[in-house]
Structures are given as C-alpha cells and as structure tokens.
Amino acid sequence: MRDRAALNLLLVVLAATPIVLAVVDFVLAQGNRALQAEVARRQHAIVEGGQLARLDQLLIREMAAIAIKDKDSKLRDLLSRNGVTIKVSPPPASGNGRGG
C-alpha cells in the first residue's frame, strides 16, 4: 500500500510539472516582452538623436551665416559661448580669368 501511495504522489508531481512549466514560460515571456519594448524605445531614441544632430548642424550653419551676413556681434558671441567657431572664407576672386 505504501508503494501505491508513493506511485500516486509521483504521478501527481509528474502531472503538475507541465502546469508549473507553463506558468514559468508565461512569466519569462512577459519579461521578454518588457525587455523588447525597452530595446525598441532605446533604438528609437538613438535614431532620433542622429536626426536631431544633423538638424542641429544645419541650424548652427544657418545661424553662423546670418551672423556673418548681418554682422551680428551678439549672435557671434552666442555661438562662441556655445563652442561654435565661425571661420569666414574670403570670397572668390572676381576676375574673369583673362590677363590684362
């Protein structure tokens, strides 16, 4: 009779094992989804950061061009305080290439 009780206990444990594994699988899948959402959010931030960096460069170039064109010393000072160095290249020679 004792062997039969042990066999019944073993069968109950074996029958419960798939249920326990299914619960563990569910919990792990939920954690995986949360991690995937976090990775997607970070990837989006990285891509957006690259796009914003290009936009920043264009904006700074335009501001520098305006500062040069309008001879705006306040704008030059603002750019300089933020680490932007404005280098003015001389205009091209206005000759038509003919000598004399």
C-alpha atoms as a PDB file:
ATOM      1  CA  MET A   1       0.000   0.000   0.000  1.00  0.00           C
ATOM      2  CA  ARG A   2       2.916   2.261   0.735  1.00  0.00           C
ATOM      3  CA  ASP A   3       4.313   1.726  -2.763  1.00  0.00           C
ATOM      4  CA  ARG A   4       0.962   2.696  -4.248  1.00  0.00           C
ATOM      5  CA  ALA A   5       0.896   5.980  -2.307  1.00  0.00           C
ATOM      6  CA  ALA A   6       4.406   6.803  -3.486  1.00  0.00           C
ATOM      7  CA  LEU A   7       3.405   5.993  -7.060  1.00  0.00           C
ATOM      8  CA  ASN A   8       0.322   8.233  -6.781  1.00  0.00           C
ATOM      9  CA  LEU A   9       2.467  11.070  -5.408  1.00  0.00           C
ATOM     10  CA  LEU A  10       4.962  10.635  -8.240  1.00  0.00           C
ATOM     11  CA  LEU A  11       2.159  10.709 -10.836  1.00  0.00           C
ATOM     12  CA  VAL A  12       0.665  13.869  -9.287  1.00  0.00           C
ATOM     13  CA  VAL A  13       4.080  15.561  -9.357  1.00  0.00           C
ATOM     14  CA  LEU A  14       4.632  14.493 -12.961  1.00  0.00           C
ATOM     15  CA  ALA A  15       1.154  15.740 -13.924  1.00  0.00           C
ATOM     16  CA  ALA A  16       1.765  19.103 -12.213  1.00  0.00           C
ATOM     17  CA  THR A  17       5.136  19.613 -13.912  1.00  0.00           C
ATOM     18  CA  PRO A  18       3.703  20.825 -17.283  1.00  0.00           C
ATOM     19  CA  ILE A  19       1.455  23.293 -15.447  1.00  0.00           C
ATOM     20  CA  VAL A  20       4.407  24.681 -13.497  1.00  0.00           C
ATOM     21  CA  LEU A  21       6.487  24.877 -16.681  1.00  0.00           C
ATOM     22  CA  ALA A  22       3.661  26.682 -18.482  1.00  0.00           C
ATOM     23  CA  VAL A  23       3.485  29.283 -15.693  1.00  0.00           C
ATOM     24  CA  VAL A  24       7.267  29.738 -15.777  1.00  0.00           C
ATOM     25  CA  ASP A  25       7.132  30.116 -19.567  1.00  0.00           C
ATOM     26  CA  PHE A  26       4.399  32.747 -19.262  1.00  0.00           C
ATOM     27  CA  VAL A  27       6.392  34.754 -16.706  1.00  0.00           C
ATOM     28  CA  LEU A  28       9.547  34.600 -18.827  1.00  0.00           C
ATOM     29  CA  ALA A  29       7.610  35.629 -21.949  1.00  0.00           C
ATOM     30  CA  GLN A  30       6.205  38.676 -20.137  1.00  0.00           C
ATOM     31  CA  GLY A  31       9.705  39.673 -19.040  1.00  0.00           C
ATOM     32  CA  ASN A  32      10.956  39.215 -22.595  1.00  0.00           C
ATOM     33  CA  ARG A  33       8.221  41.490 -23.953  1.00  0.00           C
ATOM     34  CA  ALA A  34       9.149  44.176 -21.451  1.00  0.00           C
ATOM     35  CA  LEU A  35      12.802  43.952 -22.496  1.00  0.00           C
ATOM     36  CA  GLN A  36      11.873  44.088 -26.185  1.00  0.00           C
ATOM     37  CA  ALA A  37       9.807  47.228 -25.565  1.00  0.00           C
ATOM     38  CA  GLU A  38      12.744  48.837 -23.744  1.00  0.00           C
ATOM     39  CA  VAL A  39      15.146  47.960 -26.579  1.00  0.00           C
ATOM     40  CA  ALA A  40      12.724  49.378 -29.157  1.00  0.00           C
ATOM     41  CA  ARG A  41      12.392  52.592 -27.139  1.00  0.00           C
ATOM     42  CA  ARG A  42      16.167  52.980 -26.921  1.00  0.00           C
ATOM     43  CA  GLN A  43      16.659  52.251 -30.632  1.00  0.00           C
ATOM     44  CA  HIS A  44      14.096  54.927 -31.445  1.00  0.00           C
ATOM     45  CA  ALA A  45      15.942  57.404 -29.206  1.00  0.00           C
ATOM     46  CA  ILE A  46      19.248  56.595 -30.939  1.00  0.00           C
ATOM     47  CA  VAL A  47      17.780  57.084 -34.412  1.00  0.00           C
ATOM     48  CA  GLU A  48      16.031  60.267 -33.360  1.00  0.00           C
ATOM     49  CA  GLY A  49      19.271  61.552 -31.804  1.00  0.00           C
ATOM     50  CA  GLY A  50      21.108  61.133 -35.097  1.00  0.00           C
ATOM     51  CA  GLN A  51      18.423  63.028 -36.950  1.00  0.00           C
ATOM     52  CA  LEU A  52      18.473  65.806 -34.356  1.00  0.00           C
ATOM     53  CA  ALA A  53      22.273  66.060 -34.590  1.00  0.00           C
ATOM     54  CA  ARG A  54      22.029  66.703 -38.345  1.00  0.00           C
ATOM     55  CA  LEU A  55      19.311  69.272 -37.759  1.00  0.00           C
ATOM     56  CA  ASP A  56      21.459  70.957 -35.092  1.00  0.00           C
ATOM     57  CA  GLN A  57      24.381  71.217 -37.523  1.00  0.00           C
ATOM     58  CA  LEU A  58      22.189  72.790 -40.195  1.00  0.00           C
ATOM     59  CA  LEU A  59      20.718  75.239 -37.704  1.00  0.00           C
ATOM     60  CA  ILE A  60      24.172  76.260 -36.441  1.00  0.00           C
ATOM     61  CA  ARG A  61      25.423  76.763 -40.012  1.00  0.00           C
ATOM     62  CA  GLU A  62      22.452  78.967 -40.821  1.00  0.00           C
ATOM     63  CA  MET A  63      22.918  80.977 -37.635  1.00  0.00           C
ATOM     64  CA  ALA A  64      26.613  81.450 -38.435  1.00  0.00           C
ATOM     65  CA  ALA A  65      25.790  82.539 -41.989  1.00  0.00           C
ATOM     66  CA  ILE A  66      23.291  85.079 -40.681  1.00  0.00           C
ATOM     67  CA  ALA A  67      25.779  86.344 -38.095  1.00  0.00           C
ATOM     68  CA  ILE A  68      28.339  86.903 -40.851  1.00  0.00           C
ATOM     69  CA  LYS A  69      25.906  88.384 -43.363  1.00  0.00           C
ATOM     70  CA  ASP A  70      24.257  90.778 -40.894  1.00  0.00           C
ATOM     71  CA  LYS A  71      27.479  91.418 -38.945  1.00  0.00           C
ATOM     72  CA  ASP A  72      25.576  90.458 -35.796  1.00  0.00           C
ATOM     73  CA  SER A  73      28.087  90.514 -32.933  1.00  0.00           C
ATOM     74  CA  LYS A  74      25.540  89.327 -30.369  1.00  0.00           C
ATOM     75  CA  LEU A  75      24.770  86.229 -32.416  1.00  0.00           C
ATOM     76  CA  ARG A  76      28.505  85.623 -32.922  1.00  0.00           C
ATOM     77  CA  ASP A  77      29.039  85.904 -29.164  1.00  0.00           C
ATOM     78  CA  LEU A  78      26.173  83.499 -28.502  1.00  0.00           C
ATOM     79  CA  LEU A  79      27.624  80.956 -30.910  1.00  0.00           C
ATOM     80  CA  SER A  80      31.106  81.451 -29.464  1.00  0.00           C
ATOM     81  CA  ARG A  81      29.881  80.910 -25.895  1.00  0.00           C
ATOM     82  CA  ASN A  82      28.426  77.604 -27.039  1.00  0.00           C
ATOM     83  CA  GLY A  83      31.647  76.406 -28.635  1.00  0.00           C
ATOM     84  CA  VAL A  84      30.950  77.348 -32.247  1.00  0.00           C
ATOM     85  CA  THR A  85      33.860  78.925 -34.098  1.00  0.00           C
ATOM     86  CA  ILE A  86      32.957  80.931 -37.162  1.00  0.00           C
ATOM     87  CA  LYS A  87      35.569  80.932 -39.903  1.00  0.00           C
ATOM     88  CA  VAL A  88      34.988  83.324 -42.750  1.00  0.00           C
ATOM     89  CA  SER A  89      36.485  82.227 -46.040  1.00  0.00           C
ATOM     90  CA  PRO A  90      37.419  85.011 -48.448  1.00  0.00           C
ATOM     91  CA  PRO A  91      35.118  85.466 -51.426  1.00  0.00           C
ATOM     92  CA  PRO A  92      36.411  84.089 -54.709  1.00  0.00           C
ATOM     93  CA  ALA A  93      38.351  86.478 -56.942  1.00  0.00           C
ATOM     94  CA  SER A  94      36.052  88.481 -59.162  1.00  0.00           C
ATOM     95  CA  GLY A  95      38.206  88.232 -62.284  1.00  0.00           C
ATOM     96  CA  ASN A  96      37.039  86.512 -65.423  1.00  0.00           C
ATOM     97  CA  GLY A  97      40.326  84.686 -65.849  1.00  0.00           C
ATOM     98  CA  ARG A  98      41.732  86.889 -68.650  1.00  0.00           C
ATOM     99  CA  GLY A  99      45.019  88.640 -68.171  1.00  0.00           C
ATOM    100  CA  GLY A 100      45.225  92.327 -68.863  1.00  0.00           C
END
